[in-house]
Amino acid sequence: MARADILPDMLPNILAVPKQGDVVRFAPDFGQRFIVTVDTEEEFDWGKPLGRTGHGLSHVPRLARFQQFCEAQGVKPIYLIDYPVVTDPAAVEALGGAVAAGRAEVGVQLHPWVSPPHDEEVNSFNSYAGNLPPELEAAKFNTLRDAIEAAFGAAPLIYRAGRYGVGPASAGILSDAGLAIDTSVRARFDYSASGGPNFRDHPLVPWWIDRSKGLMELPLTTVFWGMLRQQGRMLYPLLWRIPQMRGLLARAALLERIPLTPEGVSIEEAIKGIDIAIDDGLPVLVFSFHSPSLSPGMTPYVHDAQGLDQLYDWWRAVFAYLKKRQIRPASVREVLAAAEA
């Protein structure tokens, strides 16, 4: 049956909450593992409207230091690269050798507002690639995917939508391009107020988006911690209008939402989140952060040299704790090899 003949609700859809039978099972010897993903993107003012121009790339050479740091820790980072970065020669200079030697992997991150072809109006709604006409979403994705393969000599196998903006057509676009993993779902978060997806009810475990084509979802890891954590999916969204109450519940050890990222999450909070993820039996813990945080003043999370030192200290502490808990790092290829179709 041709794709055009399939009803929309029959097509694989990343936005659809999966059924229990879709959960990915891994080989017994895989154990529990973790990956480090880097949203490798241009610098821009997060407080201003998005634009096609006016961004910077001055932090890109600093990727080399982070790569060396990860190698010393025995970790193989996954760089999810967008169009301004892949077209900057400094990116290949910083990461090309590591990718060629298998010490790092590259994937795709689509920021549609800076990715050709530029056939849409730049606004908040269109910044979610999944909101674009499918033909335009596909054209932007394929242009970027091809540029990454040409620059690094490696076909990317993993994708994250910028602003986590997947849509109904995204799964088909990824499958047609030969990608094996989407990691756009940020479970426990809802972006619908600005026109984006609602991932509030999606699970944390990996699942098959399209088992027949081998397309897996590997959601970012965010857990609820505290005495009320089992009710977190119901309670937390009710508090979005009263952030003070969220803070009060966290301080009272009743309910806290903890994403596994150094951006806005303390070491102590991250360790609590890791413990919950391990205790819940998550097969893969997915860590993430934005590459401009490697340069002071480029994101709201790292303001100065001291803040950058603290970011690296966060990773040292997290890697040490994962090792203590016997959670080993994994690569994209190891995740795929262990998945039982």
Protein backbone atom coordinates (compact mmCIF):
# COMPACT_ATOMS: atom_id res chain seq x y z
CA MET A 1 0.00 0.00 0.00
CA ALA A 2 1.46 3.33 -1.01
CA ARG A 3 1.97 5.97 1.64
CA ALA A 4 -0.54 8.26 -0.07
CA ASP A 5 -3.20 5.58 0.37
CA ILE A 6 -2.70 5.24 4.13
CA LEU A 7 -5.08 7.10 6.39
CA PRO A 8 -3.35 9.79 8.50
CA ASP A 9 -4.10 7.99 11.78
CA MET A 10 -2.44 4.85 10.44
CA LEU A 11 0.89 6.52 9.69
CA PRO A 12 3.69 6.31 12.27
CA ASN A 13 3.47 9.47 14.36
CA ILE A 14 5.98 10.55 17.01
CA LEU A 15 3.28 12.64 18.70
CA ALA A 16 1.11 9.57 19.35
CA VAL A 17 1.49 8.06 22.83
CA PRO A 18 2.78 4.52 22.22
CA LYS A 19 1.12 1.30 23.30
CA GLN A 20 2.79 -1.05 25.76
CA GLY A 21 3.64 -3.45 22.94
CA ASP A 22 5.71 -0.76 21.22
CA VAL A 23 8.28 -0.54 24.03
CA VAL A 24 11.80 -1.44 22.89
CA ARG A 25 13.31 -4.50 24.53
CA PHE A 26 17.09 -4.64 24.83
CA ALA A 27 19.47 -7.59 24.96
CA PRO A 28 19.93 -8.80 28.55
CA ASP A 29 23.64 -7.97 28.60
CA PHE A 30 22.98 -4.33 27.63
CA GLY A 31 21.99 -3.43 31.17
CA GLN A 32 21.23 0.19 31.99
CA ARG A 33 23.25 2.73 30.05
CA PHE A 34 23.46 6.48 29.41
CA ILE A 35 24.16 8.76 26.46
CA VAL A 36 25.28 12.39 26.27
CA THR A 37 23.62 14.47 23.55
CA VAL A 38 24.76 17.97 22.62
CA ASP A 39 22.33 20.33 20.87
CA THR A 40 25.08 21.72 18.64
CA GLU A 41 23.65 25.00 17.45
CA GLU A 42 24.25 28.66 16.71
CA GLU A 43 24.30 31.35 19.37
CA PHE A 44 21.30 33.67 19.55
CA ASP A 45 19.55 35.82 22.11
CA TRP A 46 17.00 33.54 23.75
CA GLY A 47 15.00 36.55 24.90
CA LYS A 48 14.42 38.02 21.43
CA PRO A 49 12.30 36.86 18.48
CA LEU A 50 13.94 34.27 16.24
CA GLY A 51 15.57 35.45 13.02
CA ARG A 52 17.35 34.01 10.02
CA THR A 53 20.37 36.23 10.67
CA GLY A 54 22.08 37.80 13.64
CA HIS A 55 23.35 34.58 15.19
CA GLY A 56 26.94 33.72 16.12
CA LEU A 57 29.26 30.73 16.05
CA SER A 58 32.14 31.89 18.22
CA HIS A 59 31.79 28.98 20.65
CA VAL A 60 32.22 26.27 18.00
CA PRO A 61 36.00 25.81 18.52
CA ARG A 62 35.25 25.11 22.19
CA LEU A 63 33.61 21.85 21.16
CA ALA A 64 37.12 20.42 20.90
CA ARG A 65 37.70 20.92 24.63
CA PHE A 66 34.41 19.25 25.55
CA GLN A 67 35.25 16.36 23.24
CA GLN A 68 38.64 15.89 24.90
CA PHE A 69 36.99 16.07 28.31
CA CYS A 70 34.50 13.34 27.38
CA GLU A 71 37.19 11.13 25.90
CA ALA A 72 39.11 11.33 29.17
CA GLN A 73 35.93 10.18 30.94
CA GLY A 74 35.38 7.29 28.52
CA VAL A 75 32.24 8.89 27.10
CA LYS A 76 31.36 9.13 23.41
CA PRO A 77 29.24 12.30 22.96
CA ILE A 78 26.55 12.61 20.31
CA TYR A 79 26.56 16.01 18.57
CA LEU A 80 23.15 16.88 17.12
CA ILE A 81 24.20 19.49 14.58
CA ASP A 82 22.18 22.24 12.94
CA TYR A 83 22.76 24.06 9.65
CA PRO A 84 24.78 27.12 10.76
CA VAL A 85 27.19 24.86 12.66
CA VAL A 86 27.69 22.24 9.97
CA THR A 87 28.47 24.96 7.42
CA ASP A 88 31.12 26.46 9.72
CA PRO A 89 34.56 24.93 8.92
CA ALA A 90 35.44 25.26 12.60
CA ALA A 91 32.98 22.48 13.41
CA VAL A 92 34.79 19.90 11.33
CA GLU A 93 38.10 21.15 12.66
CA ALA A 94 36.89 20.68 16.23
CA LEU A 95 35.10 17.35 15.84
CA GLY A 96 36.00 15.78 12.50
CA GLY A 97 38.91 13.71 13.78
CA ALA A 98 36.93 12.35 16.72
CA VAL A 99 33.98 11.41 14.51
CA ALA A 100 36.25 9.72 11.97
CA ALA A 101 37.96 7.75 14.74
CA GLY A 102 34.67 6.68 16.33
CA ARG A 103 35.21 8.70 19.52
CA ALA A 104 32.12 10.84 18.81
CA GLU A 105 28.95 10.57 16.76
CA VAL A 106 26.96 13.13 14.81
CA GLY A 107 23.23 13.51 14.35
CA VAL A 108 20.77 16.05 13.02
CA GLN A 109 19.14 18.97 14.83
CA LEU A 110 16.79 21.04 12.70
CA HIS A 111 16.30 24.75 13.45
CA PRO A 112 13.95 25.54 10.56
CA TRP A 113 14.36 29.32 10.82
CA VAL A 114 18.05 29.09 9.86
CA SER A 115 17.86 26.03 7.59
CA PRO A 116 17.28 26.27 3.84
CA PRO A 117 15.11 26.33 1.86
CA HIS A 118 13.73 29.53 3.37
CA ASP A 119 10.17 29.38 2.09
CA GLU A 120 8.27 30.14 5.30
CA GLU A 121 7.69 33.16 7.48
CA VAL A 122 9.88 33.21 10.58
CA ASN A 123 7.66 33.12 13.65
CA SER A 124 7.16 31.05 16.78
CA PHE A 125 4.69 28.63 15.19
CA ASN A 126 6.97 27.89 12.24
CA SER A 127 9.97 27.42 14.53
CA TYR A 128 8.54 23.97 15.26
CA ALA A 129 9.52 22.07 12.12
CA GLY A 130 6.59 19.71 12.48
CA ASN A 131 4.20 22.61 11.94
CA LEU A 132 5.57 23.28 8.46
CA PRO A 133 4.07 21.75 5.31
CA PRO A 134 5.52 18.21 5.12
CA GLU A 135 7.29 18.93 1.82
CA LEU A 136 9.10 21.91 3.36
CA GLU A 137 9.93 20.06 6.58
CA ALA A 138 11.39 17.24 4.46
CA ALA A 139 13.36 19.62 2.23
CA LYS A 140 14.91 21.37 5.22
CA PHE A 141 15.69 18.08 6.95
CA ASN A 142 17.24 16.42 3.89
CA THR A 143 19.35 19.47 3.06
CA LEU A 144 20.75 19.44 6.59
CA ARG A 145 21.21 15.68 6.75
CA ASP A 146 23.14 15.69 3.49
CA ALA A 147 25.32 18.59 4.64
CA ILE A 148 26.25 16.70 7.83
CA GLU A 149 27.15 13.55 5.92
CA ALA A 150 29.23 15.55 3.43
CA ALA A 151 31.06 17.46 6.16
CA PHE A 152 31.84 14.55 8.46
CA GLY A 153 31.85 11.58 6.11
CA ALA A 154 29.33 9.78 8.33
CA ALA A 155 25.63 9.27 7.74
CA PRO A 156 23.71 10.53 10.78
CA LEU A 157 21.40 8.00 12.43
CA ILE A 158 19.80 10.12 15.16
CA TYR A 159 17.62 13.24 15.08
CA ARG A 160 16.33 15.89 17.47
CA ALA A 161 13.94 18.59 16.33
CA GLY A 162 14.97 22.07 17.42
CA ARG A 163 12.64 23.25 20.19
CA TYR A 164 11.57 19.55 20.13
CA GLY A 165 9.27 20.47 17.25
CA VAL A 166 8.30 17.15 15.70
CA GLY A 167 4.99 16.84 13.91
CA PRO A 168 2.71 14.26 12.28
CA ALA A 169 4.93 13.90 9.19
CA SER A 170 8.29 13.78 10.98
CA ALA A 171 8.44 10.00 11.43
CA GLY A 172 7.98 9.33 7.72
CA ILE A 173 10.62 11.91 6.82
CA LEU A 174 13.13 10.33 9.20
CA SER A 175 12.41 6.79 8.01
CA ASP A 176 12.67 7.75 4.35
CA ALA A 177 16.07 9.31 5.06
CA GLY A 178 17.40 6.19 6.78
CA LEU A 179 17.48 7.52 10.33
CA ALA A 180 17.09 5.00 13.13
CA ILE A 181 16.46 7.10 16.25
CA ASP A 182 14.42 10.17 17.06
CA THR A 183 15.24 11.83 20.38
CA SER A 184 12.87 14.80 20.20
CA VAL A 185 10.33 13.73 22.81
CA ARG A 186 10.89 15.60 26.07
CA ALA A 187 8.57 13.62 28.28
CA ARG A 188 6.92 15.54 31.15
CA PHE A 189 6.99 18.82 29.15
CA ASP A 190 4.21 20.60 27.25
CA TYR A 191 5.05 23.20 24.56
CA SER A 192 1.53 23.57 23.18
CA ALA A 193 1.05 27.08 24.59
CA SER A 194 3.45 28.40 21.93
CA GLY A 195 2.26 26.08 19.16
CA GLY A 196 4.61 23.18 19.91
CA PRO A 197 4.02 19.55 20.89
CA ASN A 198 2.65 18.27 24.17
CA PHE A 199 4.86 15.47 25.54
CA ARG A 200 3.29 15.41 28.98
CA ASP A 201 1.86 11.89 28.65
CA HIS A 202 4.69 10.26 26.71
CA PRO A 203 6.73 7.59 28.48
CA LEU A 204 10.41 7.75 29.40
CA VAL A 205 11.26 4.32 28.01
CA PRO A 206 12.31 3.92 24.35
CA TRP A 207 9.65 2.71 21.94
CA TRP A 208 9.27 1.78 18.29
CA ILE A 209 7.73 4.58 16.25
CA ASP A 210 7.86 2.41 13.15
CA ARG A 211 9.04 -1.10 13.96
CA SER A 212 8.92 -2.23 10.33
CA LYS A 213 11.43 0.46 9.34
CA GLY A 214 13.46 0.27 12.53
CA LEU A 215 12.67 3.81 13.74
CA MET A 216 12.97 4.16 17.51
CA GLU A 217 12.07 6.96 19.91
CA LEU A 218 14.70 7.61 22.59
CA PRO A 219 13.09 10.29 24.78
CA LEU A 220 15.07 12.77 26.82
CA THR A 221 15.08 11.79 30.47
CA THR A 222 13.05 13.85 32.93
CA VAL A 223 11.76 12.34 36.16
CA PHE A 224 9.56 13.39 39.03
CA TRP A 225 11.13 13.20 42.47
CA GLY A 226 9.54 13.50 45.93
CA MET A 227 6.80 11.96 48.02
CA LEU A 228 4.18 12.86 45.40
CA ARG A 229 6.20 11.80 42.37
CA GLN A 230 3.76 9.03 41.43
CA GLN A 231 1.12 11.73 41.03
CA GLY A 232 3.53 14.08 39.22
CA ARG A 233 2.05 13.64 35.75
CA MET A 234 -1.33 14.74 37.08
CA LEU A 235 -0.25 17.40 39.60
CA TYR A 236 2.63 19.18 37.89
CA PRO A 237 0.69 20.56 34.89
CA LEU A 238 -1.90 22.02 37.28
CA LEU A 239 0.80 24.19 38.86
CA TRP A 240 2.14 25.85 35.74
CA ARG A 241 0.37 29.13 36.57
CA ILE A 242 1.86 29.19 40.09
CA PRO A 243 5.62 28.61 39.84
CA GLN A 244 5.98 29.58 43.51
CA MET A 245 4.00 26.49 44.44
CA ARG A 246 6.32 24.33 42.35
CA GLY A 247 9.28 25.73 44.27
CA LEU A 248 7.53 25.17 47.59
CA LEU A 249 6.76 21.55 46.76
CA ALA A 250 10.37 20.95 45.68
CA ARG A 251 11.78 22.47 48.90
CA ALA A 252 9.38 20.36 50.94
CA ALA A 253 10.60 17.22 49.12
CA LEU A 254 7.07 16.61 47.88
CA LEU A 255 7.37 17.03 44.10
CA GLU A 256 10.14 18.16 41.77
CA ARG A 257 10.62 17.77 38.03
CA ILE A 258 14.25 16.96 37.21
CA PRO A 259 15.54 16.85 33.62
CA LEU A 260 19.00 15.33 33.17
CA THR A 261 20.87 18.43 32.04
CA PRO A 262 23.49 20.73 33.59
CA GLU A 263 21.41 23.72 32.49
CA GLY A 264 19.41 24.90 35.47
CA VAL A 265 19.80 21.62 37.38
CA SER A 266 22.22 21.31 40.31
CA ILE A 267 24.50 18.33 40.85
CA GLU A 268 22.43 17.31 43.85
CA GLU A 269 19.22 17.45 41.85
CA ALA A 270 20.80 15.51 38.97
CA ILE A 271 21.89 12.73 41.32
CA LYS A 272 18.36 12.48 42.71
CA GLY A 273 17.09 12.26 39.13
CA ILE A 274 19.63 9.59 38.22
CA ASP A 275 18.61 7.51 41.22
CA ILE A 276 14.94 7.68 40.25
CA ALA A 277 15.70 6.78 36.63
CA ILE A 278 17.80 3.81 37.71
CA ASP A 279 15.25 2.63 40.25
CA ASP A 280 12.52 2.89 37.61
CA GLY A 281 14.57 0.61 35.37
CA LEU A 282 15.05 3.00 32.45
CA PRO A 283 17.31 1.19 29.96
CA VAL A 284 18.88 4.40 28.61
CA LEU A 285 19.33 7.69 30.50
CA VAL A 286 19.47 10.55 27.98
CA PHE A 287 21.45 13.64 29.04
CA SER A 288 21.44 16.85 27.01
CA PHE A 289 22.62 20.46 26.91
CA HIS A 290 23.13 23.28 24.39
CA SER A 291 26.58 23.75 22.87
CA PRO A 292 26.64 27.57 23.31
CA SER A 293 26.77 26.92 27.07
CA LEU A 294 30.43 26.01 26.46
CA SER A 295 31.14 29.73 26.12
CA PRO A 296 30.26 32.20 28.91
CA GLY A 297 27.44 34.59 28.16
CA MET A 298 25.92 32.66 25.27
CA THR A 299 23.03 31.03 27.16
CA PRO A 300 21.13 31.89 30.34
CA TYR A 301 22.92 29.03 32.13
CA VAL A 302 26.61 30.00 31.92
CA HIS A 303 27.28 33.67 32.61
CA ASP A 304 31.04 33.75 33.24
CA ALA A 305 34.22 31.67 33.54
CA GLN A 306 33.17 30.43 36.95
CA GLY A 307 29.88 29.23 35.50
CA LEU A 308 31.74 27.33 32.79
CA ASP A 309 33.92 25.66 35.41
CA GLN A 310 30.77 24.68 37.25
CA LEU A 311 29.35 23.12 34.07
CA TYR A 312 32.41 20.91 33.72
CA ASP A 313 32.30 20.11 37.45
CA TRP A 314 28.68 19.04 36.96
CA TRP A 315 29.67 16.59 34.27
CA ARG A 316 32.59 15.25 36.35
CA ALA A 317 30.30 14.62 39.30
CA VAL A 318 27.59 13.04 37.15
CA PHE A 319 30.02 10.76 35.29
CA ALA A 320 31.58 9.70 38.61
CA TYR A 321 28.17 8.94 40.10
CA LEU A 322 27.05 6.97 37.07
CA LYS A 323 30.24 4.92 37.31
CA LYS A 324 29.57 4.34 41.01
CA ARG A 325 26.07 3.12 40.14
CA GLN A 326 27.59 0.91 37.39
CA ILE A 327 25.74 2.71 34.59
CA ARG A 328 28.00 2.59 31.53
CA PRO A 329 28.02 5.01 28.60
CA ALA A 330 26.61 3.94 25.26
CA SER A 331 26.76 5.10 21.66
CA VAL A 332 24.01 5.31 19.08
CA ARG A 333 25.29 2.19 17.38
CA GLU A 334 25.42 0.27 20.67
CA VAL A 335 21.83 1.25 21.45
CA LEU A 336 20.70 0.09 18.02
CA ALA A 337 22.69 -3.16 18.21
CA ALA A 338 21.13 -4.05 21.55
CA ALA A 339 17.53 -3.30 20.55
CA GLU A 340 15.55 -6.45 19.96
CA ALA A 341 13.25 -5.97 16.99
